[in-house]
Amino acid sequence: MNLLEHQGKTLFRRYGLAVPVGVLWPQPLPISAGGYVAKAQIRAGGRGKAGGIRFAENGETAGSAAAALAKAEIGGRRVEAVLVEERLAIAREFYVAVAIDRDRRCRSFVLAAQGGVEIESLPADRVRRVPVDPLIGLRPHHLRRAVAALEPADKAVAGALSAALEALYRAFIGHRKFTIGTGTFRSRARRPESLPPAFETQESRISGQRRKAINSHASVNLHDGSRTHEVPSNLATSI
């Protein structure tokens, strides 16, 4: 099945992955000092370029943007819902997914140190795989190799990435599906200390931003949560 973004993020939270605070419009908006993002919830690709994601400076303009999106069609598809979230200050993006590697007959982390919308254009040697033997299960050395592939800036970011990767793998095992794609993990800049703890983030706080998808075939969802891109086994290099 291919989940809507807000459904995927609910699963992320269940497994301990941090996600931006948000609600389905027209519920009351959370407090956000950095503004808001209104995102059309559709089961199709290209929503960002089609006008399905809009930024707003305050709650009033966020409400107006959400109301407009709720009545819109994006890429010829009816908008099923509108998710309004806090707008994050992004320090860096990483691409991560867990998938079944059919050639090796095992589970694999699929990773790139560079996330974002240009993930599809990365050279094959920049996308890495870390296979995990299902008979052995996830071990610390798998996490170390996966984190190294993401080229963290320091030990704090590395530790946060390791915890996020472990949680993502637990989600994969818990749902017993072929692929769980995160979109992009976000390393976030510090937010104002007046905000509640869930909003107080540093470089070491990693957020599973955008949509997570659980699909019945080998595909992963990319950073903006709007496109599904098939990842064949020859795309990535094992490490």
Protein backbone atom coordinates (compact mmCIF):
# COMPACT_ATOMS: atom_id res chain seq x y z
CA MET A 1 0.00 0.00 0.00
CA ASN A 2 1.10 3.56 -0.61
CA LEU A 3 0.36 5.76 2.36
CA LEU A 4 -0.44 9.42 2.44
CA GLU A 5 2.23 11.51 4.11
CA HIS A 6 0.33 12.08 7.33
CA GLN A 7 -0.40 8.35 7.66
CA GLY A 8 3.25 7.49 7.21
CA LYS A 9 4.31 10.01 9.81
CA THR A 10 1.91 8.48 12.30
CA LEU A 11 3.80 5.21 11.86
CA PHE A 12 7.11 7.03 12.23
CA ARG A 13 6.03 8.41 15.59
CA ARG A 14 4.95 4.96 16.73
CA TYR A 15 8.51 3.72 16.30
CA GLY A 16 10.16 6.71 17.92
CA LEU A 17 11.19 8.68 14.84
CA ALA A 18 10.97 12.44 15.19
CA VAL A 19 8.72 14.17 12.65
CA PRO A 20 7.65 17.81 12.28
CA VAL A 21 4.69 18.81 14.41
CA GLY A 22 1.57 19.16 12.30
CA VAL A 23 -2.15 18.62 11.98
CA LEU A 24 -4.71 17.93 9.30
CA TRP A 25 -6.50 21.14 8.31
CA PRO A 26 -8.85 22.55 9.66
CA GLN A 27 -7.65 21.47 13.10
CA PRO A 28 -6.03 24.22 15.21
CA LEU A 29 -2.44 24.78 14.14
CA PRO A 30 0.53 24.12 16.43
CA ILE A 31 2.68 27.03 17.56
CA SER A 32 5.54 27.57 15.11
CA ALA A 33 8.01 30.43 15.29
CA GLY A 34 9.42 29.52 11.87
CA GLY A 35 6.21 29.60 9.86
CA TYR A 36 4.21 26.78 8.32
CA VAL A 37 4.06 24.44 5.35
CA ALA A 38 0.69 23.40 3.87
CA LYS A 39 0.95 20.15 1.92
CA ALA A 40 -1.68 18.52 -0.25
CA GLN A 41 -2.17 14.84 0.52
CA ILE A 42 -2.43 12.89 -2.72
CA ARG A 43 -1.38 9.48 -3.99
CA ALA A 44 0.61 10.73 -6.95
CA GLY A 45 3.97 12.25 -7.81
CA GLY A 46 5.12 15.74 -8.56
CA ARG A 47 2.91 17.61 -6.10
CA GLY A 48 5.58 20.18 -5.24
CA LYS A 49 6.11 21.33 -8.81
CA ALA A 50 2.35 21.20 -9.38
CA GLY A 51 1.68 23.69 -6.58
CA GLY A 52 0.71 21.17 -3.93
CA ILE A 53 3.12 22.51 -1.28
CA ARG A 54 2.81 26.09 -0.03
CA PHE A 55 4.74 28.02 2.60
CA ALA A 56 3.17 30.50 5.00
CA GLU A 57 4.60 32.99 7.47
CA ASN A 58 1.79 32.76 10.03
CA GLY A 59 -1.31 30.84 11.02
CA GLU A 60 -3.69 33.04 9.05
CA THR A 61 -1.90 32.65 5.75
CA ALA A 62 -1.36 28.95 6.46
CA GLY A 63 -5.11 28.52 6.89
CA SER A 64 -5.79 30.31 3.63
CA ALA A 65 -3.24 28.18 1.81
CA ALA A 66 -4.70 24.98 3.27
CA ALA A 67 -8.24 25.97 2.34
CA ALA A 68 -7.18 26.64 -1.24
CA LEU A 69 -5.33 23.33 -1.49
CA ALA A 70 -8.30 21.42 -0.10
CA LYS A 71 -10.39 22.54 -3.09
CA ALA A 72 -7.65 21.98 -5.66
CA GLU A 73 -6.72 19.17 -8.00
CA ILE A 74 -3.01 18.39 -8.14
CA GLY A 75 -1.80 16.61 -11.24
CA GLY A 76 -5.38 15.77 -12.11
CA ARG A 77 -6.01 14.15 -8.72
CA ARG A 78 -8.35 15.28 -6.00
CA VAL A 79 -6.64 16.41 -2.80
CA GLU A 80 -7.64 13.94 -0.08
CA ALA A 81 -6.51 16.10 2.86
CA VAL A 82 -4.13 18.95 3.70
CA LEU A 83 -1.34 18.56 6.24
CA VAL A 84 -0.11 21.77 7.87
CA GLU A 85 3.21 21.53 9.70
CA GLU A 86 5.79 23.67 11.39
CA ARG A 87 8.39 24.89 8.92
CA LEU A 88 11.82 23.55 9.87
CA ALA A 89 15.20 25.21 9.68
CA ILE A 90 17.11 22.56 7.72
CA ALA A 91 20.82 22.16 8.34
CA ARG A 92 21.38 19.11 6.13
CA GLU A 93 19.47 16.31 4.40
CA PHE A 94 20.21 12.60 4.15
CA TYR A 95 18.44 9.95 2.10
CA VAL A 96 17.59 6.65 3.83
CA ALA A 97 15.35 3.65 3.12
CA VAL A 98 15.08 0.01 4.14
CA ALA A 99 14.21 -2.41 1.35
CA ILE A 100 14.27 -6.05 0.35
CA ASP A 101 17.34 -6.73 -1.79
CA ARG A 102 16.06 -9.44 -4.10
CA ASP A 103 19.48 -10.21 -5.59
CA ARG A 104 21.10 -10.81 -2.20
CA ARG A 105 17.90 -12.18 -0.62
CA CYS A 106 18.22 -9.99 2.42
CA ARG A 107 17.14 -6.65 3.84
CA SER A 108 19.26 -3.62 3.03
CA PHE A 109 19.65 -0.04 4.08
CA VAL A 110 19.72 2.22 1.01
CA LEU A 111 21.58 5.43 1.82
CA ALA A 112 22.93 8.65 0.37
CA ALA A 113 24.82 11.40 2.17
CA GLN A 114 23.00 13.92 -0.02
CA GLY A 115 19.21 14.06 0.27
CA GLY A 116 16.66 16.38 -1.25
CA VAL A 117 14.78 16.52 -4.51
CA GLU A 118 17.90 15.82 -6.57
CA ILE A 119 18.31 12.33 -5.14
CA GLU A 120 17.21 10.78 -8.43
CA SER A 121 20.07 12.43 -10.30
CA LEU A 122 22.83 11.24 -7.96
CA PRO A 123 25.50 9.03 -9.56
CA ALA A 124 25.10 5.37 -8.70
CA ASP A 125 28.32 5.35 -6.70
CA ARG A 126 26.87 7.95 -4.30
CA VAL A 127 24.00 5.65 -3.30
CA ARG A 128 25.09 2.88 -0.95
CA ARG A 129 23.57 -0.32 0.39
CA VAL A 130 24.26 -2.02 3.69
CA PRO A 131 22.85 -5.57 3.59
CA VAL A 132 21.42 -7.12 6.77
CA ASP A 133 21.19 -10.91 6.89
CA PRO A 134 17.69 -11.76 8.23
CA LEU A 135 19.13 -14.83 10.02
CA ILE A 136 21.47 -12.60 12.00
CA GLY A 137 19.36 -9.48 12.31
CA LEU A 138 20.43 -5.89 12.80
CA ARG A 139 23.72 -5.56 14.67
CA PRO A 140 25.83 -2.56 15.77
CA HIS A 141 28.28 -3.05 12.90
CA HIS A 142 25.42 -2.63 10.38
CA LEU A 143 24.50 0.68 11.98
CA ARG A 144 28.12 1.86 12.01
CA ARG A 145 28.50 1.12 8.31
CA ALA A 146 25.17 2.77 7.48
CA VAL A 147 26.00 5.89 9.48
CA ALA A 148 29.46 6.10 7.85
CA ALA A 149 27.79 6.07 4.43
CA LEU A 150 25.86 9.20 5.43
CA GLU A 151 29.07 11.10 6.25
CA PRO A 152 27.90 12.78 9.48
CA ALA A 153 29.60 16.01 10.48
CA ASP A 154 30.36 14.97 14.06
CA LYS A 155 29.71 12.34 16.73
CA ALA A 156 26.47 13.96 17.87
CA VAL A 157 24.94 13.74 14.40
CA ALA A 158 26.31 10.20 14.01
CA GLY A 159 24.65 9.12 17.24
CA ALA A 160 21.33 10.62 16.26
CA LEU A 161 21.50 8.99 12.83
CA SER A 162 22.26 5.61 14.38
CA ALA A 163 19.20 5.84 16.63
CA ALA A 164 17.00 6.93 13.71
CA LEU A 165 18.25 4.10 11.48
CA GLU A 166 17.58 1.55 14.20
CA ALA A 167 14.04 2.89 14.63
CA LEU A 168 13.46 2.78 10.88
CA TYR A 169 14.58 -0.84 10.76
CA ARG A 170 12.21 -1.69 13.62
CA ALA A 171 9.38 -0.13 11.62
CA PHE A 172 10.34 -2.27 8.64
CA ILE A 173 10.31 -5.47 10.71
CA GLY A 174 7.13 -4.46 12.51
CA HIS A 175 5.15 -4.09 9.30
CA ARG A 176 6.74 -6.95 7.34
CA LYS A 177 6.52 -5.14 4.03
CA PHE A 178 8.97 -4.98 1.18
CA THR A 179 10.04 -1.38 1.45
CA ILE A 180 9.91 1.39 3.98
CA GLY A 181 11.20 4.64 2.53
CA THR A 182 11.72 7.58 4.79
CA GLY A 183 12.13 10.33 2.41
CA THR A 184 14.90 12.40 3.87
CA PHE A 185 16.17 12.54 7.40
CA ARG A 186 16.74 16.14 8.41
CA SER A 187 19.48 17.49 10.63
CA ARG A 188 17.90 20.62 12.03
CA ALA A 189 19.27 23.88 13.28
CA ARG A 190 18.51 25.02 16.83
CA ARG A 191 15.05 26.44 17.37
CA PRO A 192 14.12 29.14 19.92
CA GLU A 193 14.37 27.91 23.51
CA SER A 194 10.94 29.33 24.32
CA LEU A 195 9.32 26.53 22.36
CA PRO A 196 8.31 23.26 24.03
CA PRO A 197 10.89 20.44 24.17
CA ALA A 198 9.53 18.74 21.06
CA PHE A 199 10.47 21.85 19.10
CA GLU A 200 13.91 22.40 20.63
CA THR A 201 16.31 20.85 18.15
CA GLN A 202 20.01 20.90 17.53
CA GLU A 203 22.24 19.49 14.80
CA SER A 204 22.13 16.14 16.58
CA ARG A 205 18.33 15.89 16.40
CA ILE A 206 17.34 13.91 13.34
CA SER A 207 13.86 14.20 11.91
CA GLY A 208 12.20 11.73 9.57
CA GLN A 209 10.79 14.41 7.34
CA ARG A 210 8.27 13.93 4.55
CA ARG A 211 6.29 10.84 3.77
CA LYS A 212 7.10 7.27 4.69
CA ALA A 213 5.62 4.71 2.36
CA ILE A 214 5.01 1.01 2.71
CA ASN A 215 4.73 -0.54 -0.70
CA SER A 216 4.20 -4.05 -2.01
CA HIS A 217 7.04 -3.66 -4.50
CA ALA A 218 10.61 -2.42 -4.43
CA SER A 219 10.22 1.33 -4.39
CA VAL A 220 11.06 4.19 -2.09
CA ASN A 221 9.60 7.64 -1.63
CA LEU A 222 11.79 10.63 -2.16
CA HIS A 223 12.45 13.72 -0.08
CA ASP A 224 9.45 15.85 -0.93
CA GLY A 225 7.05 13.02 -0.20
CA SER A 226 5.44 13.42 -3.56
CA ARG A 227 7.12 10.98 -5.87
CA THR A 228 7.78 7.26 -5.89
CA HIS A 229 10.98 6.22 -7.61
CA GLU A 230 11.89 2.59 -8.22
CA VAL A 231 15.34 1.65 -6.99
CA PRO A 232 16.69 -1.34 -8.96
CA SER A 233 19.32 -3.51 -7.32
CA ASN A 234 22.09 -2.23 -9.60
CA LEU A 235 21.56 1.41 -8.59
CA ALA A 236 23.45 1.20 -5.33
CA THR A 237 26.87 0.05 -4.21
CA SER A 238 27.16 -2.27 -1.24
CA ILE A 239 29.60 -1.27 1.47
